[in-house]
Amino acid sequence: MTTKPSPDETAEAAITPDETAEAAITPDETAEAAITPDETAEAESAPYTFGLRLAAACGLVFLLACLVATASITLADAIEGDGSGGFLITAGFWSLALGAVAGVAALVVPRRALVTAQYCLGAAGPLLALMD
């Protein structure tokens, strides 16, 4: 046989609104839990990405200097040589253009390989023009 609980027992077993408010998770607690891992990851990688972006920005200045050097080599070859540029001069200018694309990509998405490719392609421009 089952007995009915008395009204006092049901009142004690009932959950009061204060207890549910205390047990509920506030939005601030969930926001803190969601933000904490991202903040630590950003804090650890921020100096590394800043250095790569700075190297990529300096690489664009390096590419500009290489463009001036390649153009002067091309003009000197045109005056002293037969007056027409060969395929290596064209390849030198294309390497500078690809280096600029790699540099802008390294500014957007900082990767060490992009910065290395930017500097290598920049240095290849005048060297290819010299070989012609």
N, C-alpha and C. Protein backbone atom coordinates (compact mmCIF):
# COMPACT_ATOMS: atom_id res chain seq x y z
N MET A 1 0.80 -1.15 0.00
CA MET A 1 0.00 0.00 0.00
C MET A 1 0.86 1.25 0.00
N THR A 2 0.44 2.21 -0.77
CA THR A 2 1.20 3.46 -0.82
C THR A 2 0.50 4.50 0.00
N THR A 3 1.29 5.32 0.63
CA THR A 3 0.71 6.38 1.44
C THR A 3 0.91 7.70 0.72
N LYS A 4 0.00 8.56 0.92
CA LYS A 4 0.09 9.88 0.31
C LYS A 4 1.02 10.75 1.15
N PRO A 5 1.88 11.52 0.48
CA PRO A 5 2.72 12.41 1.29
C PRO A 5 1.90 13.57 1.83
N SER A 6 2.32 14.00 2.97
CA SER A 6 1.61 15.12 3.59
C SER A 6 1.94 16.41 2.84
N PRO A 7 1.13 17.44 2.98
CA PRO A 7 1.41 18.72 2.30
C PRO A 7 2.74 19.32 2.71
N ASP A 8 3.21 19.09 3.94
CA ASP A 8 4.50 19.63 4.36
C ASP A 8 5.64 18.96 3.60
N GLU A 9 5.55 17.66 3.36
CA GLU A 9 6.59 16.93 2.63
C GLU A 9 6.65 17.37 1.18
N THR A 10 5.52 17.60 0.57
CA THR A 10 5.54 18.05 -0.83
C THR A 10 6.09 19.46 -0.94
N ALA A 11 5.86 20.27 0.05
CA ALA A 11 6.40 21.63 0.02
C ALA A 11 7.91 21.61 0.15
N GLU A 12 8.45 20.71 0.99
CA GLU A 12 9.89 20.61 1.14
C GLU A 12 10.54 20.05 -0.11
N ALA A 13 9.86 19.13 -0.79
CA ALA A 13 10.41 18.51 -1.98
C ALA A 13 10.34 19.42 -3.20
N ALA A 14 9.46 20.37 -3.15
CA ALA A 14 9.33 21.29 -4.28
C ALA A 14 10.55 22.21 -4.35
N ILE A 15 10.93 22.57 -5.54
CA ILE A 15 12.09 23.44 -5.73
C ILE A 15 11.61 24.87 -5.75
N THR A 16 12.26 25.66 -4.95
CA THR A 16 11.89 27.07 -4.89
C THR A 16 12.56 27.81 -6.05
N PRO A 17 12.02 28.97 -6.47
CA PRO A 17 12.63 29.74 -7.55
C PRO A 17 14.05 30.18 -7.25
N ASP A 18 14.39 30.42 -5.97
CA ASP A 18 15.74 30.84 -5.61
C ASP A 18 16.75 29.72 -5.88
N GLU A 19 16.34 28.48 -5.60
CA GLU A 19 17.25 27.35 -5.83
C GLU A 19 17.52 27.15 -7.32
N THR A 20 16.52 27.33 -8.16
CA THR A 20 16.74 27.17 -9.60
C THR A 20 17.61 28.28 -10.15
N ALA A 21 17.48 29.47 -9.58
CA ALA A 21 18.31 30.58 -10.05
C ALA A 21 19.76 30.34 -9.68
N GLU A 22 19.99 29.76 -8.50
CA GLU A 22 21.36 29.48 -8.10
C GLU A 22 21.96 28.35 -8.90
N ALA A 23 21.15 27.37 -9.25
CA ALA A 23 21.67 26.21 -9.97
C ALA A 23 21.85 26.49 -11.46
N ALA A 24 21.16 27.47 -11.98
CA ALA A 24 21.28 27.76 -13.41
C ALA A 24 22.63 28.40 -13.71
N ILE A 25 23.11 28.15 -14.89
CA ILE A 25 24.38 28.73 -15.33
C ILE A 25 24.10 30.10 -15.91
N THR A 26 24.79 31.05 -15.40
CA THR A 26 24.59 32.41 -15.90
C THR A 26 25.32 32.58 -17.23
N PRO A 27 24.90 33.51 -18.08
CA PRO A 27 25.58 33.73 -19.36
C PRO A 27 27.03 34.15 -19.19
N ASP A 28 27.36 34.83 -18.10
CA ASP A 28 28.74 35.24 -17.89
C ASP A 28 29.66 34.06 -17.70
N GLU A 29 29.17 33.02 -16.98
CA GLU A 29 30.00 31.84 -16.75
C GLU A 29 30.27 31.10 -18.05
N THR A 30 29.27 30.96 -18.90
CA THR A 30 29.49 30.26 -20.17
C THR A 30 30.36 31.10 -21.10
N ALA A 31 30.22 32.41 -21.03
CA ALA A 31 31.05 33.27 -21.88
C ALA A 31 32.51 33.18 -21.45
N GLU A 32 32.76 33.13 -20.14
CA GLU A 32 34.13 33.01 -19.66
C GLU A 32 34.74 31.68 -20.07
N ALA A 33 33.97 30.62 -20.00
CA ALA A 33 34.48 29.30 -20.37
C ALA A 33 34.75 29.23 -21.86
N ALA A 34 33.97 29.92 -22.67
CA ALA A 34 34.17 29.86 -24.11
C ALA A 34 35.32 30.76 -24.56
N ILE A 35 35.58 31.84 -23.86
CA ILE A 35 36.61 32.79 -24.28
C ILE A 35 37.99 32.39 -23.79
N THR A 36 38.10 31.77 -22.68
CA THR A 36 39.39 31.50 -22.06
C THR A 36 40.36 30.72 -22.95
N PRO A 37 39.98 29.61 -23.61
CA PRO A 37 40.95 28.91 -24.45
C PRO A 37 41.40 29.74 -25.66
N ASP A 38 40.49 30.52 -26.24
CA ASP A 38 40.85 31.32 -27.40
C ASP A 38 41.83 32.43 -27.03
N GLU A 39 41.63 33.03 -25.87
CA GLU A 39 42.52 34.11 -25.46
C GLU A 39 43.93 33.61 -25.23
N THR A 40 44.07 32.43 -24.64
CA THR A 40 45.41 31.91 -24.40
C THR A 40 46.09 31.53 -25.71
N ALA A 41 45.33 30.98 -26.66
CA ALA A 41 45.92 30.62 -27.95
C ALA A 41 46.33 31.87 -28.71
N GLU A 42 45.52 32.92 -28.65
CA GLU A 42 45.85 34.16 -29.34
C GLU A 42 47.05 34.83 -28.69
N ALA A 43 47.13 34.78 -27.38
CA ALA A 43 48.25 35.42 -26.69
C ALA A 43 49.56 34.71 -26.99
N GLU A 44 49.52 33.39 -27.16
CA GLU A 44 50.74 32.64 -27.45
C GLU A 44 51.21 32.85 -28.88
N SER A 45 50.30 33.02 -29.84
CA SER A 45 50.70 33.10 -31.24
C SER A 45 50.80 34.53 -31.75
N ALA A 46 50.38 35.51 -30.98
CA ALA A 46 50.39 36.89 -31.46
C ALA A 46 51.79 37.42 -31.77
N PRO A 47 52.80 37.25 -30.92
CA PRO A 47 54.12 37.77 -31.27
C PRO A 47 54.71 37.06 -32.49
N TYR A 48 54.45 35.78 -32.64
CA TYR A 48 54.98 35.02 -33.76
C TYR A 48 54.38 35.52 -35.07
N THR A 49 53.09 35.77 -35.11
CA THR A 49 52.47 36.26 -36.34
C THR A 49 52.86 37.70 -36.62
N PHE A 50 53.08 38.49 -35.57
CA PHE A 50 53.51 39.87 -35.78
C PHE A 50 54.89 39.90 -36.42
N GLY A 51 55.79 39.03 -35.98
CA GLY A 51 57.13 38.97 -36.56
C GLY A 51 57.10 38.56 -38.02
N LEU A 52 56.25 37.60 -38.34
CA LEU A 52 56.15 37.17 -39.73
C LEU A 52 55.53 38.26 -40.61
N ARG A 53 54.55 38.95 -40.08
CA ARG A 53 53.95 40.04 -40.86
C ARG A 53 54.94 41.18 -41.05
N LEU A 54 55.75 41.44 -40.06
CA LEU A 54 56.77 42.48 -40.19
C LEU A 54 57.81 42.07 -41.22
N ALA A 55 58.21 40.81 -41.21
CA ALA A 55 59.17 40.32 -42.21
C ALA A 55 58.56 40.37 -43.61
N ALA A 56 57.27 40.09 -43.74
CA ALA A 56 56.61 40.16 -45.05
C ALA A 56 56.52 41.60 -45.53
N ALA A 57 56.27 42.53 -44.63
CA ALA A 57 56.21 43.95 -45.02
C ALA A 57 57.59 44.46 -45.44
N CYS A 58 58.62 44.05 -44.72
CA CYS A 58 59.98 44.42 -45.13
C CYS A 58 60.36 43.72 -46.43
N GLY A 59 59.81 42.55 -46.66
CA GLY A 59 60.05 41.84 -47.92
C GLY A 59 59.47 42.57 -49.12
N LEU A 60 58.37 43.27 -48.92
CA LEU A 60 57.80 44.06 -50.01
C LEU A 60 58.72 45.22 -50.37
N VAL A 61 59.37 45.81 -49.38
CA VAL A 61 60.35 46.87 -49.65
C VAL A 61 61.56 46.27 -50.37
N PHE A 62 61.97 45.07 -49.95
CA PHE A 62 63.05 44.36 -50.62
C PHE A 62 62.70 44.06 -52.08
N LEU A 63 61.45 43.68 -52.33
CA LEU A 63 61.01 43.43 -53.70
C LEU A 63 61.06 44.70 -54.55
N LEU A 64 60.75 45.82 -53.96
CA LEU A 64 60.83 47.08 -54.68
C LEU A 64 62.28 47.39 -55.07
N ALA A 65 63.21 47.16 -54.16
CA ALA A 65 64.62 47.36 -54.47
C ALA A 65 65.09 46.38 -55.55
N CYS A 66 64.60 45.16 -55.50
CA CYS A 66 64.95 44.17 -56.53
C CYS A 66 64.35 44.55 -57.88
N LEU A 67 63.17 45.16 -57.87
CA LEU A 67 62.56 45.61 -59.11
C LEU A 67 63.40 46.71 -59.76
N VAL A 68 63.88 47.63 -58.94
CA VAL A 68 64.74 48.69 -59.47
C VAL A 68 66.03 48.10 -60.02
N ALA A 69 66.62 47.15 -59.32
CA ALA A 69 67.85 46.52 -59.79
C ALA A 69 67.61 45.74 -61.07
N THR A 70 66.51 45.02 -61.16
CA THR A 70 66.21 44.26 -62.38
C THR A 70 65.96 45.18 -63.55
N ALA A 71 65.26 46.28 -63.32
CA ALA A 71 65.01 47.23 -64.40
C ALA A 71 66.30 47.88 -64.88
N SER A 72 67.21 48.22 -63.96
CA SER A 72 68.48 48.83 -64.38
C SER A 72 69.36 47.83 -65.13
N ILE A 73 69.33 46.58 -64.70
CA ILE A 73 70.09 45.54 -65.42
C ILE A 73 69.50 45.34 -66.81
N THR A 74 68.18 45.36 -66.92
CA THR A 74 67.52 45.20 -68.22
C THR A 74 67.86 46.36 -69.14
N LEU A 75 67.84 47.59 -68.63
CA LEU A 75 68.16 48.75 -69.46
C LEU A 75 69.63 48.74 -69.88
N ALA A 76 70.50 48.35 -68.97
CA ALA A 76 71.93 48.27 -69.33
C ALA A 76 72.16 47.21 -70.40
N ASP A 77 71.45 46.09 -70.29
CA ASP A 77 71.57 45.03 -71.29
C ASP A 77 71.02 45.49 -72.63
N ALA A 78 69.96 46.28 -72.61
CA ALA A 78 69.38 46.75 -73.87
C ALA A 78 70.30 47.75 -74.56
N ILE A 79 70.96 48.59 -73.79
CA ILE A 79 71.85 49.60 -74.38
C ILE A 79 73.14 48.95 -74.88
N GLU A 80 73.74 48.07 -74.09
CA GLU A 80 75.02 47.48 -74.44
C GLU A 80 74.88 46.26 -75.35
N GLY A 81 73.80 45.57 -75.28
CA GLY A 81 73.63 44.33 -76.03
C GLY A 81 72.95 44.56 -77.36
N ASP A 82 72.15 43.61 -77.74
CA ASP A 82 71.48 43.66 -79.05
C ASP A 82 70.19 44.47 -79.01
N GLY A 83 69.77 44.95 -77.87
CA GLY A 83 68.59 45.80 -77.78
C GLY A 83 67.30 45.07 -77.46
N SER A 84 67.36 43.77 -77.32
CA SER A 84 66.15 43.01 -76.98
C SER A 84 66.42 42.15 -75.75
N GLY A 85 65.42 42.03 -74.93
CA GLY A 85 65.55 41.21 -73.73
C GLY A 85 65.26 39.75 -74.03
N GLY A 86 65.97 38.88 -73.36
CA GLY A 86 65.75 37.45 -73.55
C GLY A 86 64.70 36.92 -72.60
N PHE A 87 64.56 35.61 -72.63
CA PHE A 87 63.53 34.99 -71.79
C PHE A 87 63.90 35.03 -70.32
N LEU A 88 65.20 35.16 -70.00
CA LEU A 88 65.57 35.22 -68.59
C LEU A 88 65.18 36.56 -67.94
N ILE A 89 65.19 37.61 -68.73
CA ILE A 89 64.73 38.90 -68.20
C ILE A 89 63.23 38.82 -67.91
N THR A 90 62.50 38.21 -68.81
CA THR A 90 61.06 38.02 -68.58
C THR A 90 60.82 37.15 -67.35
N ALA A 91 61.62 36.10 -67.20
CA ALA A 91 61.49 35.24 -66.02
C ALA A 91 61.83 35.99 -64.74
N GLY A 92 62.79 36.92 -64.83
CA GLY A 92 63.14 37.73 -63.66
C GLY A 92 62.00 38.62 -63.21
N PHE A 93 61.34 39.24 -64.18
CA PHE A 93 60.20 40.09 -63.82
C PHE A 93 59.03 39.25 -63.31
N TRP A 94 58.83 38.08 -63.87
CA TRP A 94 57.77 37.20 -63.38
C TRP A 94 58.07 36.72 -61.96
N SER A 95 59.32 36.47 -61.66
CA SER A 95 59.65 36.03 -60.30
C SER A 95 59.39 37.16 -59.30
N LEU A 96 59.62 38.41 -59.72
CA LEU A 96 59.29 39.54 -58.84
C LEU A 96 57.78 39.66 -58.62
N ALA A 97 57.02 39.43 -59.67
CA ALA A 97 55.56 39.49 -59.54
C ALA A 97 55.06 38.38 -58.62
N LEU A 98 55.60 37.19 -58.78
CA LEU A 98 55.19 36.08 -57.91
C LEU A 98 55.65 36.31 -56.47
N GLY A 99 56.80 36.96 -56.31
CA GLY A 99 57.25 37.31 -54.97
C GLY A 99 56.32 38.31 -54.30
N ALA A 100 55.79 39.25 -55.09
CA ALA A 100 54.84 40.21 -54.54
C ALA A 100 53.54 39.52 -54.11
N VAL A 101 53.10 38.56 -54.91
CA VAL A 101 51.90 37.80 -54.54
C VAL A 101 52.14 37.02 -53.25
N ALA A 102 53.32 36.40 -53.15
CA ALA A 102 53.65 35.66 -51.92
C ALA A 102 53.75 36.60 -50.73
N GLY A 103 54.25 37.82 -50.95
CA GLY A 103 54.36 38.79 -49.86
C GLY A 103 53.01 39.26 -49.35
N VAL A 104 52.11 39.53 -50.27
CA VAL A 104 50.77 39.96 -49.85
C VAL A 104 50.05 38.80 -49.16
N ALA A 105 50.24 37.59 -49.67
CA ALA A 105 49.64 36.43 -49.00
C ALA A 105 50.23 36.23 -47.61
N ALA A 106 51.53 36.51 -47.45
CA ALA A 106 52.15 36.38 -46.13
C ALA A 106 51.66 37.45 -45.17
N LEU A 107 51.25 38.60 -45.69
CA LEU A 107 50.66 39.61 -44.81
C LEU A 107 49.28 39.19 -44.33
N VAL A 108 48.53 38.55 -45.21
CA VAL A 108 47.17 38.12 -44.85
C VAL A 108 47.20 36.89 -43.96
N VAL A 109 47.93 35.88 -44.40
CA VAL A 109 48.04 34.62 -43.67
C VAL A 109 49.51 34.39 -43.36
N PRO A 110 49.99 34.81 -42.20
CA PRO A 110 51.43 34.74 -41.93
C PRO A 110 51.92 33.30 -41.82
N ARG A 111 52.70 32.90 -42.79
CA ARG A 111 53.33 31.58 -42.81
C ARG A 111 54.80 31.77 -43.16
N ARG A 112 55.64 31.00 -42.51
CA ARG A 112 57.08 31.12 -42.73
C ARG A 112 57.45 30.75 -44.16
N ALA A 113 56.78 29.78 -44.74
CA ALA A 113 57.09 29.37 -46.12
C ALA A 113 56.78 30.48 -47.12
N LEU A 114 55.70 31.23 -46.88
CA LEU A 114 55.37 32.33 -47.78
C LEU A 114 56.40 33.45 -47.71
N VAL A 115 56.88 33.75 -46.51
CA VAL A 115 57.89 34.80 -46.36
C VAL A 115 59.20 34.36 -47.00
N THR A 116 59.56 33.10 -46.83
CA THR A 116 60.78 32.58 -47.45
C THR A 116 60.67 32.61 -48.96
N ALA A 117 59.52 32.22 -49.48
CA ALA A 117 59.32 32.25 -50.93
C ALA A 117 59.37 33.67 -51.47
N GLN A 118 58.86 34.61 -50.70
CA GLN A 118 58.89 36.01 -51.11
C GLN A 118 60.33 36.50 -51.28
N TYR A 119 61.18 36.22 -50.31
CA TYR A 119 62.56 36.67 -50.39
C TYR A 119 63.34 35.92 -51.48
N CYS A 120 63.09 34.64 -51.63
CA CYS A 120 63.80 33.86 -52.67
C CYS A 120 63.40 34.34 -54.07
N LEU A 121 62.12 34.55 -54.28
CA LEU A 121 61.67 35.03 -55.60
C LEU A 121 62.16 36.45 -55.86
N GLY A 122 62.25 37.26 -54.83
CA GLY A 122 62.77 38.61 -55.00
C GLY A 122 64.24 38.61 -55.39
N ALA A 123 65.01 37.77 -54.77
CA ALA A 123 66.44 37.69 -55.10
C ALA A 123 66.66 37.05 -56.47
N ALA A 124 65.75 36.21 -56.90
CA ALA A 124 65.89 35.54 -58.21
C ALA A 124 65.69 36.51 -59.37
N GLY A 125 64.93 37.58 -59.17
CA GLY A 125 64.67 38.53 -60.25
C GLY A 125 65.93 39.15 -60.84
N PRO A 126 66.74 39.84 -60.05
CA PRO A 126 67.97 40.40 -60.61
C PRO A 126 68.97 39.35 -61.06
N LEU A 127 69.00 38.20 -60.36
CA LEU A 127 69.95 37.15 -60.76
C LEU A 127 69.59 36.58 -62.15
N LEU A 128 68.31 36.41 -62.40
CA LEU A 128 67.90 35.92 -63.72
C LEU A 128 68.18 36.96 -64.80
N ALA A 129 67.99 38.24 -64.46
CA ALA A 129 68.28 39.29 -65.43
C ALA A 129 69.78 39.37 -65.72
N LEU A 130 70.60 39.13 -64.73
CA LEU A 130 72.06 39.12 -64.93
C LEU A 130 72.51 37.96 -65.82
N MET A 131 71.81 36.85 -65.73
CA MET A 131 72.18 35.68 -66.52
C MET A 131 71.87 35.86 -68.01
N ASP A 132 71.03 36.82 -68.34
CA ASP A 132 70.67 37.00 -69.75
C ASP A 132 71.75 37.73 -70.49
